[in-house]
Amino acid sequence: MTRKVHCVVLKSEAEGLDRPTYPGELGRRIYENVSKEAWARWVRHQVMLINEYRLSPVEPKARRLLEAEMEKFFFGGGSEKPTDYVAPKG
């Protein structure tokens, strides 16, 4: 049976994640309040942030930045794109 959550991003009931995708308290909040679709949106946004800011996710400073952006994306009104970001064409 599919697990349903009231997704904080979609603002509606949707299919929940199969398992926690991030550790700790933030991971618990995401598991309880974020849908699979919203998680997929975050993953695409995170890849854009990593590429645009040239981050290495193994570096502690980059991990802190990505975690802060994840918190904003799901629970704080959204994570902004870099000011000079140009979306790929096509």
C-alpha atoms as a PDB file:
ATOM      1  CA  MET A   1       0.000   0.000   0.000  1.00  0.00           C
ATOM      2  CA  THR A   2       1.246   3.463  -0.887  1.00  0.00           C
ATOM      3  CA  ARG A   3       2.047   5.833   1.956  1.00  0.00           C
ATOM      4  CA  LYS A   4       0.360   9.247   1.647  1.00  0.00           C
ATOM      5  CA  VAL A   5       1.507  12.571   3.120  1.00  0.00           C
ATOM      6  CA  HIS A   6       0.171  16.091   3.027  1.00  0.00           C
ATOM      7  CA  CYS A   7       3.076  17.530   1.047  1.00  0.00           C
ATOM      8  CA  VAL A   8       4.370  20.928   2.174  1.00  0.00           C
ATOM      9  CA  VAL A   9       5.540  21.712  -1.375  1.00  0.00           C
ATOM     10  CA  LEU A  10       2.517  20.546  -3.377  1.00  0.00           C
ATOM     11  CA  LYS A  11       0.050  21.676  -0.680  1.00  0.00           C
ATOM     12  CA  SER A  12      -1.965  18.513  -1.245  1.00  0.00           C
ATOM     13  CA  GLU A  13      -1.998  14.836  -0.387  1.00  0.00           C
ATOM     14  CA  ALA A  14       0.458  12.841  -2.471  1.00  0.00           C
ATOM     15  CA  GLU A  15       2.517   9.660  -2.450  1.00  0.00           C
ATOM     16  CA  GLY A  16       5.094   9.775   0.343  1.00  0.00           C
ATOM     17  CA  LEU A  17       8.695   8.701   0.260  1.00  0.00           C
ATOM     18  CA  ASP A  18       9.406   4.995   0.676  1.00  0.00           C
ATOM     19  CA  ARG A  19      12.101   5.609   3.286  1.00  0.00           C
ATOM     20  CA  PRO A  20      13.869   8.523   4.949  1.00  0.00           C
ATOM     21  CA  THR A  21      16.198  10.163   2.427  1.00  0.00           C
ATOM     22  CA  TYR A  22      18.216  12.345   4.793  1.00  0.00           C
ATOM     23  CA  PRO A  23      19.512  11.748   8.339  1.00  0.00           C
ATOM     24  CA  GLY A  24      18.517  13.438  11.554  1.00  0.00           C
ATOM     25  CA  GLU A  25      15.625  15.685  12.495  1.00  0.00           C
ATOM     26  CA  LEU A  26      15.492  17.332   9.060  1.00  0.00           C
ATOM     27  CA  GLY A  27      15.297  13.880   7.473  1.00  0.00           C
ATOM     28  CA  ARG A  28      12.410  12.928   9.760  1.00  0.00           C
ATOM     29  CA  ARG A  29      10.516  16.114   8.854  1.00  0.00           C
ATOM     30  CA  ILE A  30      11.113  15.488   5.154  1.00  0.00           C
ATOM     31  CA  TYR A  31       9.927  11.872   5.423  1.00  0.00           C
ATOM     32  CA  GLU A  32       6.749  12.924   7.217  1.00  0.00           C
ATOM     33  CA  ASN A  33       5.897  16.004   5.094  1.00  0.00           C
ATOM     34  CA  VAL A  34       7.399  15.682   1.600  1.00  0.00           C
ATOM     35  CA  SER A  35       6.073  13.699  -1.356  1.00  0.00           C
ATOM     36  CA  LYS A  36       8.092  11.727  -3.878  1.00  0.00           C
ATOM     37  CA  GLU A  37       7.340  14.382  -6.502  1.00  0.00           C
ATOM     38  CA  ALA A  38       8.554  17.206  -4.259  1.00  0.00           C
ATOM     39  CA  TRP A  39      11.704  15.227  -3.392  1.00  0.00           C
ATOM     40  CA  ALA A  40      12.418  14.781  -7.120  1.00  0.00           C
ATOM     41  CA  ARG A  41      12.032  18.569  -7.570  1.00  0.00           C
ATOM     42  CA  TRP A  42      14.536  19.117  -4.764  1.00  0.00           C
ATOM     43  CA  VAL A  43      17.036  16.702  -6.330  1.00  0.00           C
ATOM     44  CA  ARG A  44      16.891  18.639  -9.634  1.00  0.00           C
ATOM     45  CA  HIS A  45      17.263  21.948  -7.772  1.00  0.00           C
ATOM     46  CA  GLN A  46      20.163  20.567  -5.729  1.00  0.00           C
ATOM     47  CA  VAL A  47      21.986  19.413  -8.873  1.00  0.00           C
ATOM     48  CA  MET A  48      21.573  22.917 -10.309  1.00  0.00           C
ATOM     49  CA  LEU A  49      22.995  24.445  -7.099  1.00  0.00           C
ATOM     50  CA  ILE A  50      25.938  22.033  -7.095  1.00  0.00           C
ATOM     51  CA  ASN A  51      26.713  22.811 -10.730  1.00  0.00           C
ATOM     52  CA  GLU A  52      26.200  26.575 -10.576  1.00  0.00           C
ATOM     53  CA  TYR A  53      28.151  27.082  -7.343  1.00  0.00           C
ATOM     54  CA  ARG A  54      30.662  24.369  -8.281  1.00  0.00           C
ATOM     55  CA  LEU A  55      30.154  22.614  -4.961  1.00  0.00           C
ATOM     56  CA  SER A  56      31.724  19.394  -3.821  1.00  0.00           C
ATOM     57  CA  PRO A  57      29.166  17.606  -1.618  1.00  0.00           C
ATOM     58  CA  VAL A  58      31.967  15.953   0.362  1.00  0.00           C
ATOM     59  CA  GLU A  59      33.175  19.319   1.669  1.00  0.00           C
ATOM     60  CA  PRO A  60      31.575  20.269   5.006  1.00  0.00           C
ATOM     61  CA  LYS A  61      30.950  23.878   3.920  1.00  0.00           C
ATOM     62  CA  ALA A  62      29.118  22.718   0.778  1.00  0.00           C
ATOM     63  CA  ARG A  63      27.077  20.204   2.787  1.00  0.00           C
ATOM     64  CA  ARG A  64      26.013  22.928   5.228  1.00  0.00           C
ATOM     65  CA  LEU A  65      24.973  25.179   2.351  1.00  0.00           C
ATOM     66  CA  LEU A  66      22.984  22.394   0.668  1.00  0.00           C
ATOM     67  CA  GLU A  67      21.301  21.451   3.932  1.00  0.00           C
ATOM     68  CA  ALA A  68      20.318  25.082   4.548  1.00  0.00           C
ATOM     69  CA  GLU A  69      18.940  25.321   1.004  1.00  0.00           C
ATOM     70  CA  MET A  70      17.050  22.044   1.502  1.00  0.00           C
ATOM     71  CA  GLU A  71      15.474  23.423   4.679  1.00  0.00           C
ATOM     72  CA  LYS A  72      14.421  26.578   2.806  1.00  0.00           C
ATOM     73  CA  PHE A  73      13.173  24.595  -0.208  1.00  0.00           C
ATOM     74  CA  PHE A  74      10.807  22.462   1.877  1.00  0.00           C
ATOM     75  CA  PHE A  75       9.977  24.488   4.976  1.00  0.00           C
ATOM     76  CA  GLY A  76      11.081  28.085   4.474  1.00  0.00           C
ATOM     77  CA  GLY A  77       9.428  29.545   1.418  1.00  0.00           C
ATOM     78  CA  GLY A  78      11.733  28.131  -1.244  1.00  0.00           C
ATOM     79  CA  SER A  79      15.357  28.048  -2.301  1.00  0.00           C
ATOM     80  CA  GLU A  80      16.368  30.661  -4.845  1.00  0.00           C
ATOM     81  CA  LYS A  81      18.335  30.004  -7.998  1.00  0.00           C
ATOM     82  CA  PRO A  82      21.699  31.792  -8.255  1.00  0.00           C
ATOM     83  CA  THR A  83      21.242  35.360  -9.517  1.00  0.00           C
ATOM     84  CA  ASP A  84      23.170  34.719 -12.738  1.00  0.00           C
ATOM     85  CA  TYR A  85      21.544  31.331 -13.459  1.00  0.00           C
ATOM     86  CA  VAL A  86      20.389  30.784 -17.042  1.00  0.00           C
ATOM     87  CA  ALA A  87      18.196  27.744 -17.596  1.00  0.00           C
ATOM     88  CA  PRO A  88      19.367  25.346 -20.308  1.00  0.00           C
ATOM     89  CA  LYS A  89      17.458  25.579 -23.582  1.00  0.00           C
ATOM     90  CA  GLY A  90      15.483  22.639 -24.844  1.00  0.00           C
END
